N, C-alpha and C. Protein backbone atom coordinates (compact mmCIF):
# COMPACT_ATOMS: atom_id res chain seq x y z
N MET A 1 -5.63 -12.88 25.51
CA MET A 1 -5.83 -11.58 24.91
C MET A 1 -4.75 -11.33 23.86
N LEU A 2 -5.16 -10.89 22.70
CA LEU A 2 -4.23 -10.64 21.60
C LEU A 2 -3.35 -9.44 21.91
N LYS A 3 -2.04 -9.63 21.70
CA LYS A 3 -1.07 -8.57 21.94
C LYS A 3 -0.12 -8.50 20.75
N VAL A 4 0.17 -7.29 20.28
CA VAL A 4 1.16 -7.09 19.22
C VAL A 4 2.39 -6.47 19.87
N ARG A 5 3.55 -7.08 19.61
CA ARG A 5 4.79 -6.62 20.22
C ARG A 5 5.96 -6.87 19.28
N TRP A 6 7.10 -6.29 19.65
CA TRP A 6 8.32 -6.51 18.87
C TRP A 6 8.77 -7.96 19.04
N ALA A 7 9.26 -8.55 17.97
CA ALA A 7 9.73 -9.93 18.01
C ALA A 7 11.01 -10.05 18.82
N ARG A 8 11.15 -11.21 19.45
CA ARG A 8 12.37 -11.59 20.17
C ARG A 8 12.91 -12.86 19.51
N VAL A 9 14.18 -13.12 19.68
CA VAL A 9 14.80 -14.29 19.04
C VAL A 9 14.05 -15.57 19.40
N GLU A 10 13.57 -15.67 20.62
CA GLU A 10 12.87 -16.89 21.03
C GLU A 10 11.52 -17.08 20.32
N ASP A 11 11.08 -16.10 19.56
CA ASP A 11 9.86 -16.20 18.78
C ASP A 11 10.06 -16.90 17.43
N ALA A 12 11.30 -17.19 17.08
CA ALA A 12 11.62 -17.68 15.73
C ALA A 12 10.82 -18.92 15.34
N THR A 13 10.66 -19.87 16.24
CA THR A 13 9.92 -21.08 15.89
C THR A 13 8.45 -20.76 15.62
N GLY A 14 7.83 -19.95 16.45
CA GLY A 14 6.44 -19.56 16.23
C GLY A 14 6.25 -18.81 14.94
N VAL A 15 7.18 -17.91 14.62
CA VAL A 15 7.13 -17.16 13.37
C VAL A 15 7.25 -18.13 12.20
N ALA A 16 8.17 -19.09 12.31
CA ALA A 16 8.37 -20.08 11.24
C ALA A 16 7.12 -20.95 11.04
N GLU A 17 6.49 -21.35 12.13
CA GLU A 17 5.28 -22.16 12.01
C GLU A 17 4.16 -21.40 11.30
N VAL A 18 3.98 -20.13 11.65
CA VAL A 18 2.98 -19.32 10.96
C VAL A 18 3.34 -19.20 9.49
N HIS A 19 4.61 -18.94 9.20
CA HIS A 19 5.08 -18.77 7.83
C HIS A 19 4.77 -20.01 6.98
N VAL A 20 5.16 -21.16 7.46
CA VAL A 20 4.97 -22.41 6.71
C VAL A 20 3.48 -22.73 6.56
N ASP A 21 2.73 -22.68 7.66
CA ASP A 21 1.31 -23.03 7.59
C ASP A 21 0.51 -22.04 6.73
N ALA A 22 0.84 -20.75 6.82
CA ALA A 22 0.13 -19.76 6.01
C ALA A 22 0.43 -19.96 4.52
N TRP A 23 1.68 -20.19 4.17
CA TRP A 23 2.00 -20.44 2.76
C TRP A 23 1.27 -21.68 2.25
N ARG A 24 1.28 -22.74 3.04
CA ARG A 24 0.64 -23.99 2.60
C ARG A 24 -0.87 -23.82 2.44
N SER A 25 -1.47 -22.95 3.23
CA SER A 25 -2.92 -22.75 3.15
C SER A 25 -3.31 -21.71 2.11
N ALA A 26 -2.49 -20.68 1.93
CA ALA A 26 -2.85 -19.57 1.05
C ALA A 26 -2.44 -19.77 -0.41
N TYR A 27 -1.39 -20.55 -0.67
CA TYR A 27 -0.79 -20.51 -1.98
C TYR A 27 -0.95 -21.75 -2.87
N PRO A 28 -1.73 -22.78 -2.50
CA PRO A 28 -1.93 -23.87 -3.46
C PRO A 28 -2.52 -23.32 -4.77
N GLY A 29 -1.94 -23.75 -5.86
CA GLY A 29 -2.38 -23.27 -7.17
C GLY A 29 -1.73 -21.97 -7.58
N LEU A 30 -1.11 -21.27 -6.62
CA LEU A 30 -0.41 -20.02 -6.93
C LEU A 30 1.10 -20.19 -6.90
N ILE A 31 1.56 -21.13 -6.09
CA ILE A 31 2.98 -21.49 -5.99
C ILE A 31 3.07 -22.99 -6.22
N ASP A 32 4.10 -23.42 -6.91
CA ASP A 32 4.30 -24.83 -7.22
C ASP A 32 4.17 -25.67 -5.95
N GLN A 33 3.37 -26.73 -6.02
CA GLN A 33 3.09 -27.56 -4.84
C GLN A 33 4.35 -28.20 -4.27
N THR A 34 5.34 -28.50 -5.11
CA THR A 34 6.58 -29.09 -4.57
C THR A 34 7.30 -28.10 -3.66
N VAL A 35 7.21 -26.81 -3.95
CA VAL A 35 7.80 -25.80 -3.08
C VAL A 35 7.05 -25.79 -1.75
N LEU A 36 5.71 -25.79 -1.80
CA LEU A 36 4.93 -25.77 -0.57
C LEU A 36 5.17 -27.03 0.26
N ASP A 37 5.24 -28.18 -0.39
CA ASP A 37 5.50 -29.44 0.32
C ASP A 37 6.89 -29.46 0.94
N GLY A 38 7.82 -28.75 0.35
CA GLY A 38 9.20 -28.74 0.83
C GLY A 38 9.49 -27.74 1.94
N LEU A 39 8.51 -26.94 2.30
CA LEU A 39 8.73 -25.97 3.38
C LEU A 39 9.04 -26.71 4.67
N ASP A 40 10.00 -26.20 5.42
CA ASP A 40 10.47 -26.88 6.61
C ASP A 40 10.55 -25.89 7.78
N VAL A 41 9.84 -26.19 8.85
CA VAL A 41 9.80 -25.28 10.00
C VAL A 41 11.19 -25.11 10.61
N ASP A 42 11.98 -26.18 10.69
CA ASP A 42 13.31 -26.06 11.29
C ASP A 42 14.20 -25.11 10.49
N ARG A 43 14.19 -25.24 9.16
CA ARG A 43 15.00 -24.32 8.33
C ARG A 43 14.49 -22.89 8.46
N ARG A 44 13.16 -22.74 8.46
CA ARG A 44 12.59 -21.39 8.61
C ARG A 44 12.89 -20.82 9.99
N THR A 45 12.93 -21.65 11.01
CA THR A 45 13.28 -21.18 12.35
C THR A 45 14.68 -20.60 12.36
N THR A 46 15.61 -21.29 11.74
CA THR A 46 16.99 -20.79 11.66
C THR A 46 17.03 -19.46 10.92
N MET A 47 16.31 -19.38 9.79
CA MET A 47 16.25 -18.14 9.02
C MET A 47 15.67 -17.00 9.86
N TRP A 48 14.55 -17.27 10.55
CA TRP A 48 13.90 -16.22 11.32
C TRP A 48 14.71 -15.82 12.54
N ALA A 49 15.41 -16.74 13.17
CA ALA A 49 16.28 -16.38 14.30
C ALA A 49 17.35 -15.41 13.83
N SER A 50 17.94 -15.67 12.66
CA SER A 50 18.94 -14.77 12.11
C SER A 50 18.32 -13.42 11.75
N PHE A 51 17.15 -13.46 11.11
CA PHE A 51 16.48 -12.21 10.73
C PHE A 51 16.22 -11.35 11.97
N ILE A 52 15.66 -11.95 13.00
CA ILE A 52 15.31 -11.20 14.21
C ILE A 52 16.57 -10.63 14.87
N THR A 53 17.61 -11.46 14.99
CA THR A 53 18.86 -11.00 15.60
C THR A 53 19.41 -9.80 14.85
N ARG A 54 19.48 -9.91 13.53
CA ARG A 54 20.03 -8.81 12.72
C ARG A 54 19.11 -7.60 12.74
N SER A 55 17.80 -7.83 12.73
CA SER A 55 16.84 -6.73 12.78
C SER A 55 17.01 -5.93 14.06
N LEU A 56 17.18 -6.61 15.18
CA LEU A 56 17.37 -5.92 16.46
C LEU A 56 18.66 -5.10 16.48
N GLN A 57 19.61 -5.46 15.62
CA GLN A 57 20.87 -4.72 15.50
C GLN A 57 20.80 -3.65 14.40
N GLY A 58 19.64 -3.53 13.74
CA GLY A 58 19.48 -2.56 12.67
C GLY A 58 20.16 -2.97 11.38
N LEU A 59 20.33 -4.28 11.19
CA LEU A 59 21.02 -4.81 10.01
C LEU A 59 20.04 -5.52 9.09
N PRO A 60 20.34 -5.55 7.79
CA PRO A 60 19.48 -6.32 6.87
C PRO A 60 19.71 -7.81 7.06
N PRO A 61 18.83 -8.63 6.48
CA PRO A 61 19.03 -10.09 6.57
C PRO A 61 20.39 -10.48 6.01
N GLU A 62 20.96 -11.53 6.56
CA GLU A 62 22.26 -12.05 6.13
C GLU A 62 22.28 -12.26 4.62
N GLY A 63 23.28 -11.72 3.95
CA GLY A 63 23.45 -11.92 2.53
C GLY A 63 22.65 -10.97 1.65
N TYR A 64 21.94 -10.02 2.25
CA TYR A 64 21.13 -9.09 1.48
C TYR A 64 21.70 -7.68 1.59
N ASP A 65 21.65 -6.96 0.48
CA ASP A 65 22.07 -5.58 0.45
C ASP A 65 20.82 -4.72 0.28
N GLU A 66 20.09 -4.57 1.36
CA GLU A 66 18.83 -3.82 1.33
C GLU A 66 18.62 -3.20 2.70
N PRO A 67 17.68 -2.29 2.82
CA PRO A 67 17.44 -1.68 4.14
C PRO A 67 16.98 -2.73 5.16
N ALA A 68 17.36 -2.49 6.40
CA ALA A 68 16.92 -3.37 7.48
C ALA A 68 15.42 -3.20 7.71
N HIS A 69 14.76 -4.29 7.96
CA HIS A 69 13.34 -4.28 8.29
C HIS A 69 13.15 -4.79 9.71
N ARG A 70 12.00 -4.48 10.29
CA ARG A 70 11.69 -4.89 11.64
C ARG A 70 10.56 -5.92 11.61
N LEU A 71 10.36 -6.58 12.74
CA LEU A 71 9.37 -7.64 12.82
C LEU A 71 8.53 -7.47 14.08
N LEU A 72 7.23 -7.40 13.88
CA LEU A 72 6.25 -7.41 14.96
C LEU A 72 5.54 -8.75 14.95
N VAL A 73 5.18 -9.26 16.12
CA VAL A 73 4.40 -10.49 16.21
C VAL A 73 3.10 -10.22 16.95
N ALA A 74 2.09 -11.00 16.62
CA ALA A 74 0.83 -10.99 17.36
C ALA A 74 0.80 -12.30 18.14
N GLU A 75 0.51 -12.20 19.43
CA GLU A 75 0.47 -13.40 20.25
C GLU A 75 -0.76 -13.39 21.15
N ASP A 76 -1.14 -14.58 21.54
CA ASP A 76 -2.20 -14.78 22.51
C ASP A 76 -1.77 -15.95 23.37
N ASP A 77 -1.75 -15.76 24.66
CA ASP A 77 -1.30 -16.81 25.59
C ASP A 77 0.07 -17.35 25.18
N GLU A 78 0.96 -16.44 24.78
CA GLU A 78 2.34 -16.74 24.41
C GLU A 78 2.47 -17.59 23.14
N ARG A 79 1.40 -17.75 22.38
CA ARG A 79 1.45 -18.45 21.09
C ARG A 79 1.49 -17.41 19.99
N ILE A 80 2.46 -17.52 19.10
CA ILE A 80 2.56 -16.60 17.97
C ILE A 80 1.44 -16.94 16.99
N LEU A 81 0.60 -15.94 16.70
CA LEU A 81 -0.53 -16.13 15.80
C LEU A 81 -0.33 -15.45 14.45
N GLY A 82 0.63 -14.53 14.39
CA GLY A 82 0.88 -13.81 13.14
C GLY A 82 2.09 -12.91 13.29
N TRP A 83 2.51 -12.34 12.16
CA TRP A 83 3.67 -11.45 12.17
C TRP A 83 3.64 -10.54 10.95
N VAL A 84 4.41 -9.46 11.04
CA VAL A 84 4.55 -8.52 9.94
C VAL A 84 5.98 -7.99 9.92
N THR A 85 6.58 -7.94 8.73
CA THR A 85 7.89 -7.32 8.55
C THR A 85 7.70 -6.04 7.75
N PHE A 86 8.48 -5.02 8.09
CA PHE A 86 8.29 -3.72 7.45
C PHE A 86 9.51 -2.84 7.65
N GLY A 87 9.56 -1.79 6.85
CA GLY A 87 10.64 -0.81 6.95
C GLY A 87 10.67 0.05 5.71
N PRO A 88 11.85 0.59 5.40
CA PRO A 88 11.98 1.40 4.19
C PRO A 88 11.77 0.55 2.95
N GLY A 89 11.23 1.16 1.90
CA GLY A 89 11.03 0.45 0.65
C GLY A 89 12.32 -0.16 0.14
N ARG A 90 12.25 -1.42 -0.26
CA ARG A 90 13.44 -2.13 -0.75
C ARG A 90 13.61 -2.04 -2.25
N ASP A 91 12.55 -1.66 -2.97
CA ASP A 91 12.64 -1.59 -4.42
C ASP A 91 13.40 -0.33 -4.83
N GLU A 92 14.04 -0.41 -5.98
CA GLU A 92 14.84 0.71 -6.47
C GLU A 92 14.02 2.00 -6.50
N GLY A 93 14.57 3.05 -5.90
CA GLY A 93 13.92 4.35 -5.89
C GLY A 93 12.78 4.49 -4.91
N GLU A 94 12.58 3.50 -4.03
CA GLU A 94 11.44 3.51 -3.11
C GLU A 94 11.82 3.64 -1.64
N SER A 95 13.07 3.92 -1.32
CA SER A 95 13.49 3.97 0.08
C SER A 95 12.84 5.12 0.86
N HIS A 96 12.24 6.08 0.16
CA HIS A 96 11.56 7.20 0.82
C HIS A 96 10.14 6.81 1.26
N ARG A 97 9.70 5.62 0.86
CA ARG A 97 8.36 5.13 1.21
C ARG A 97 8.50 3.96 2.17
N GLY A 98 7.49 3.75 2.99
CA GLY A 98 7.47 2.56 3.83
C GLY A 98 7.04 1.36 3.01
N GLU A 99 7.43 0.19 3.48
CA GLU A 99 7.04 -1.05 2.81
C GLU A 99 6.64 -2.10 3.84
N ILE A 100 5.54 -2.76 3.60
CA ILE A 100 5.21 -3.97 4.34
C ILE A 100 5.72 -5.12 3.47
N ALA A 101 6.72 -5.81 3.97
CA ALA A 101 7.35 -6.86 3.18
C ALA A 101 6.65 -8.21 3.32
N GLY A 102 6.01 -8.42 4.46
CA GLY A 102 5.29 -9.67 4.67
C GLY A 102 4.34 -9.52 5.85
N LEU A 103 3.15 -10.06 5.71
CA LEU A 103 2.17 -10.07 6.79
C LEU A 103 1.42 -11.39 6.69
N TYR A 104 1.52 -12.19 7.75
CA TYR A 104 0.87 -13.49 7.75
C TYR A 104 0.22 -13.76 9.10
N ALA A 105 -0.93 -14.38 9.07
CA ALA A 105 -1.59 -14.90 10.27
C ALA A 105 -1.72 -16.40 10.09
N HIS A 106 -1.70 -17.11 11.20
CA HIS A 106 -1.88 -18.56 11.13
C HIS A 106 -3.28 -18.84 10.57
N PRO A 107 -3.42 -19.80 9.67
CA PRO A 107 -4.73 -20.10 9.09
C PRO A 107 -5.82 -20.39 10.12
N SER A 108 -5.46 -20.90 11.27
CA SER A 108 -6.46 -21.21 12.30
C SER A 108 -7.11 -19.96 12.89
N VAL A 109 -6.50 -18.80 12.64
CA VAL A 109 -7.06 -17.55 13.17
C VAL A 109 -7.40 -16.54 12.06
N TRP A 110 -7.47 -17.01 10.82
CA TRP A 110 -7.89 -16.11 9.75
C TRP A 110 -9.28 -15.58 10.08
N SER A 111 -9.48 -14.32 9.81
CA SER A 111 -10.76 -13.62 10.05
C SER A 111 -11.10 -13.51 11.54
N HIS A 112 -10.08 -13.52 12.39
CA HIS A 112 -10.28 -13.35 13.83
C HIS A 112 -9.61 -12.09 14.37
N GLY A 113 -9.16 -11.18 13.49
CA GLY A 113 -8.61 -9.90 13.94
C GLY A 113 -7.11 -9.83 14.07
N VAL A 114 -6.40 -10.91 13.83
CA VAL A 114 -4.94 -10.90 13.96
C VAL A 114 -4.32 -10.01 12.89
N GLY A 115 -4.71 -10.20 11.64
CA GLY A 115 -4.18 -9.36 10.56
C GLY A 115 -4.54 -7.90 10.78
N HIS A 116 -5.77 -7.64 11.22
CA HIS A 116 -6.19 -6.27 11.49
C HIS A 116 -5.31 -5.63 12.56
N ALA A 117 -5.05 -6.35 13.65
CA ALA A 117 -4.21 -5.81 14.72
C ALA A 117 -2.80 -5.52 14.21
N LEU A 118 -2.26 -6.42 13.39
CA LEU A 118 -0.91 -6.21 12.86
C LEU A 118 -0.84 -5.03 11.91
N ILE A 119 -1.78 -4.95 10.97
CA ILE A 119 -1.71 -3.88 9.98
C ILE A 119 -2.00 -2.52 10.61
N SER A 120 -2.86 -2.49 11.61
CA SER A 120 -3.12 -1.24 12.32
C SER A 120 -1.86 -0.75 13.03
N ARG A 121 -1.16 -1.66 13.68
CA ARG A 121 0.07 -1.29 14.39
C ARG A 121 1.16 -0.86 13.42
N VAL A 122 1.31 -1.59 12.33
CA VAL A 122 2.39 -1.25 11.40
C VAL A 122 2.11 0.07 10.69
N ASP A 123 0.85 0.38 10.42
CA ASP A 123 0.52 1.71 9.86
C ASP A 123 1.06 2.80 10.77
N GLY A 124 0.84 2.65 12.07
CA GLY A 124 1.32 3.63 13.03
C GLY A 124 2.84 3.67 13.11
N GLU A 125 3.47 2.51 13.07
CA GLU A 125 4.94 2.47 13.13
C GLU A 125 5.57 3.15 11.91
N LEU A 126 5.01 2.89 10.74
CA LEU A 126 5.54 3.52 9.53
C LEU A 126 5.31 5.03 9.55
N ARG A 127 4.16 5.45 10.01
CA ARG A 127 3.86 6.88 10.11
C ARG A 127 4.83 7.54 11.09
N GLU A 128 5.05 6.91 12.25
CA GLU A 128 5.98 7.46 13.24
C GLU A 128 7.40 7.53 12.71
N ALA A 129 7.74 6.64 11.79
CA ALA A 129 9.07 6.65 11.18
C ALA A 129 9.21 7.74 10.12
N GLY A 130 8.11 8.44 9.85
CA GLY A 130 8.17 9.57 8.93
C GLY A 130 7.75 9.29 7.51
N TYR A 131 7.18 8.14 7.25
CA TYR A 131 6.74 7.82 5.90
C TYR A 131 5.33 8.36 5.67
N PRO A 132 5.12 9.15 4.60
CA PRO A 132 3.78 9.64 4.31
C PRO A 132 2.88 8.58 3.66
N ASP A 133 3.52 7.59 3.04
CA ASP A 133 2.77 6.52 2.40
C ASP A 133 3.60 5.25 2.41
N ALA A 134 2.98 4.17 1.99
CA ALA A 134 3.66 2.88 2.00
C ALA A 134 3.12 2.02 0.86
N TYR A 135 3.84 0.95 0.60
CA TYR A 135 3.41 0.00 -0.41
C TYR A 135 3.68 -1.42 0.06
N LEU A 136 3.07 -2.36 -0.62
CA LEU A 136 3.30 -3.78 -0.37
C LEU A 136 3.05 -4.51 -1.68
N TRP A 137 3.52 -5.72 -1.75
CA TRP A 137 3.30 -6.58 -2.90
C TRP A 137 2.45 -7.76 -2.47
N VAL A 138 1.48 -8.12 -3.28
CA VAL A 138 0.61 -9.27 -2.99
C VAL A 138 0.60 -10.17 -4.21
N LEU A 139 0.64 -11.46 -3.96
CA LEU A 139 0.69 -12.44 -5.05
C LEU A 139 -0.60 -12.37 -5.87
N ALA A 140 -0.44 -12.20 -7.17
CA ALA A 140 -1.61 -12.17 -8.07
C ALA A 140 -2.40 -13.47 -7.88
N GLY A 141 -3.70 -13.35 -7.80
CA GLY A 141 -4.55 -14.51 -7.61
C GLY A 141 -4.87 -14.79 -6.15
N ASN A 142 -4.20 -14.11 -5.22
CA ASN A 142 -4.45 -14.32 -3.80
C ASN A 142 -5.62 -13.42 -3.37
N ALA A 143 -6.82 -13.84 -3.77
CA ALA A 143 -8.02 -13.02 -3.58
C ALA A 143 -8.27 -12.68 -2.12
N ARG A 144 -8.03 -13.62 -1.22
CA ARG A 144 -8.25 -13.38 0.20
C ARG A 144 -7.37 -12.22 0.70
N ALA A 145 -6.08 -12.26 0.37
CA ALA A 145 -5.16 -11.20 0.80
C ALA A 145 -5.52 -9.87 0.15
N ILE A 146 -5.87 -9.89 -1.12
CA ILE A 146 -6.24 -8.65 -1.81
C ILE A 146 -7.46 -8.03 -1.13
N ARG A 147 -8.46 -8.83 -0.82
CA ARG A 147 -9.64 -8.32 -0.10
C ARG A 147 -9.25 -7.72 1.25
N PHE A 148 -8.39 -8.41 1.96
CA PHE A 148 -7.94 -7.94 3.28
C PHE A 148 -7.28 -6.57 3.15
N TYR A 149 -6.34 -6.45 2.23
CA TYR A 149 -5.64 -5.17 2.08
C TYR A 149 -6.58 -4.07 1.62
N GLU A 150 -7.44 -4.37 0.67
CA GLU A 150 -8.38 -3.35 0.19
C GLU A 150 -9.33 -2.91 1.30
N THR A 151 -9.76 -3.82 2.15
CA THR A 151 -10.60 -3.48 3.28
C THR A 151 -9.89 -2.50 4.22
N HIS A 152 -8.57 -2.59 4.26
CA HIS A 152 -7.77 -1.72 5.13
C HIS A 152 -7.22 -0.50 4.40
N GLY A 153 -7.79 -0.17 3.25
CA GLY A 153 -7.44 1.07 2.57
C GLY A 153 -6.30 1.00 1.57
N TRP A 154 -5.78 -0.16 1.31
CA TRP A 154 -4.71 -0.32 0.32
C TRP A 154 -5.36 -0.48 -1.05
N ILE A 155 -4.78 0.17 -2.06
CA ILE A 155 -5.33 0.08 -3.41
C ILE A 155 -4.24 -0.32 -4.40
N ALA A 156 -4.64 -1.14 -5.36
CA ALA A 156 -3.72 -1.53 -6.43
C ALA A 156 -3.43 -0.29 -7.27
N ASP A 157 -2.15 -0.07 -7.56
CA ASP A 157 -1.79 1.11 -8.36
C ASP A 157 -1.28 0.74 -9.75
N GLY A 158 -1.41 -0.52 -10.12
CA GLY A 158 -0.97 -0.97 -11.46
C GLY A 158 0.45 -1.49 -11.50
N GLY A 159 1.21 -1.33 -10.40
CA GLY A 159 2.57 -1.85 -10.36
C GLY A 159 2.57 -3.38 -10.34
N GLU A 160 3.47 -3.96 -11.11
CA GLU A 160 3.60 -5.42 -11.17
C GLU A 160 5.07 -5.78 -11.19
N LYS A 161 5.37 -6.96 -10.67
CA LYS A 161 6.73 -7.48 -10.81
C LYS A 161 6.69 -9.00 -10.79
N TYR A 162 7.73 -9.56 -11.33
CA TYR A 162 7.92 -11.01 -11.32
C TYR A 162 9.22 -11.27 -10.59
N GLY A 163 9.19 -12.22 -9.67
CA GLY A 163 10.40 -12.50 -8.91
C GLY A 163 10.34 -13.86 -8.26
N ASP A 164 11.34 -14.10 -7.43
CA ASP A 164 11.48 -15.36 -6.73
C ASP A 164 11.43 -15.10 -5.23
N ALA A 165 10.89 -16.05 -4.48
CA ALA A 165 10.86 -15.93 -3.02
C ALA A 165 10.63 -17.30 -2.41
N GLY A 166 11.37 -17.58 -1.36
CA GLY A 166 11.14 -18.81 -0.60
C GLY A 166 11.23 -20.08 -1.41
N GLY A 167 12.03 -20.09 -2.48
CA GLY A 167 12.16 -21.27 -3.33
C GLY A 167 11.20 -21.27 -4.50
N ALA A 168 10.23 -20.38 -4.49
CA ALA A 168 9.28 -20.28 -5.61
C ALA A 168 9.84 -19.31 -6.65
N THR A 169 9.58 -19.59 -7.91
CA THR A 169 10.11 -18.75 -8.98
C THR A 169 8.99 -18.15 -9.81
N ALA A 170 9.32 -17.09 -10.52
CA ALA A 170 8.40 -16.42 -11.44
C ALA A 170 7.08 -16.03 -10.79
N LEU A 171 7.17 -15.54 -9.56
CA LEU A 171 5.97 -15.10 -8.85
C LEU A 171 5.49 -13.78 -9.43
N HIS A 172 4.21 -13.71 -9.73
CA HIS A 172 3.62 -12.48 -10.26
C HIS A 172 2.98 -11.74 -9.09
N GLU A 173 3.51 -10.54 -8.80
CA GLU A 173 3.02 -9.77 -7.67
C GLU A 173 2.45 -8.43 -8.13
N LEU A 174 1.45 -7.98 -7.39
CA LEU A 174 0.77 -6.73 -7.67
C LEU A 174 1.04 -5.76 -6.52
N ARG A 175 1.35 -4.51 -6.87
CA ARG A 175 1.64 -3.50 -5.83
C ARG A 175 0.35 -2.83 -5.37
N HIS A 176 0.25 -2.68 -4.05
CA HIS A 176 -0.83 -1.93 -3.42
C HIS A 176 -0.19 -0.81 -2.62
N VAL A 177 -0.84 0.35 -2.59
CA VAL A 177 -0.30 1.52 -1.91
C VAL A 177 -1.34 2.10 -0.97
N ARG A 178 -0.84 2.90 -0.05
CA ARG A 178 -1.73 3.56 0.89
C ARG A 178 -1.03 4.77 1.49
N GLU A 179 -1.77 5.89 1.56
CA GLU A 179 -1.30 7.02 2.34
C GLU A 179 -1.49 6.63 3.80
N LEU A 180 -0.53 6.99 4.62
CA LEU A 180 -0.62 6.60 6.04
C LEU A 180 -1.39 7.66 6.81
N PRO A 181 -2.43 7.22 7.52
CA PRO A 181 -3.28 8.17 8.24
C PRO A 181 -2.57 8.84 9.41
């Protein structure tokens, strides 16, 4: 049975596996293939263990000067199937809004309700934290993710940015927003 809960440090490997497999499945043609081929579960596990530890302490990721975010995981039979990071907006002037910084499901469970369970829970968490609305960034060209977010009430508001993430450079991202129910 699918369960959404707060992440624990021992979830780091499962979170890393979802992260690597989801990027490799979702981003060919959108992110340089050498970056996708170079993704490493062990390095991501170390990163996620640190993120979770610091998140539980209310601290931002190591080396970052930004608001602390939290991490929820979706699991079934103790297997991590997806995760979502969220908290105050990290972009300049956006700390009054909630932000979903990342939401990924393992490709083997795409279209099986994992993303829906995560986004439904995070909507509630952000609302309970006092945010009237929230935003997220989605990689331009990621039609599957855009459809998913739009199905869940998120709309593109014309915001765009170019940045780097996970070793990839010059990523073109589109902002989607939503009032929290």
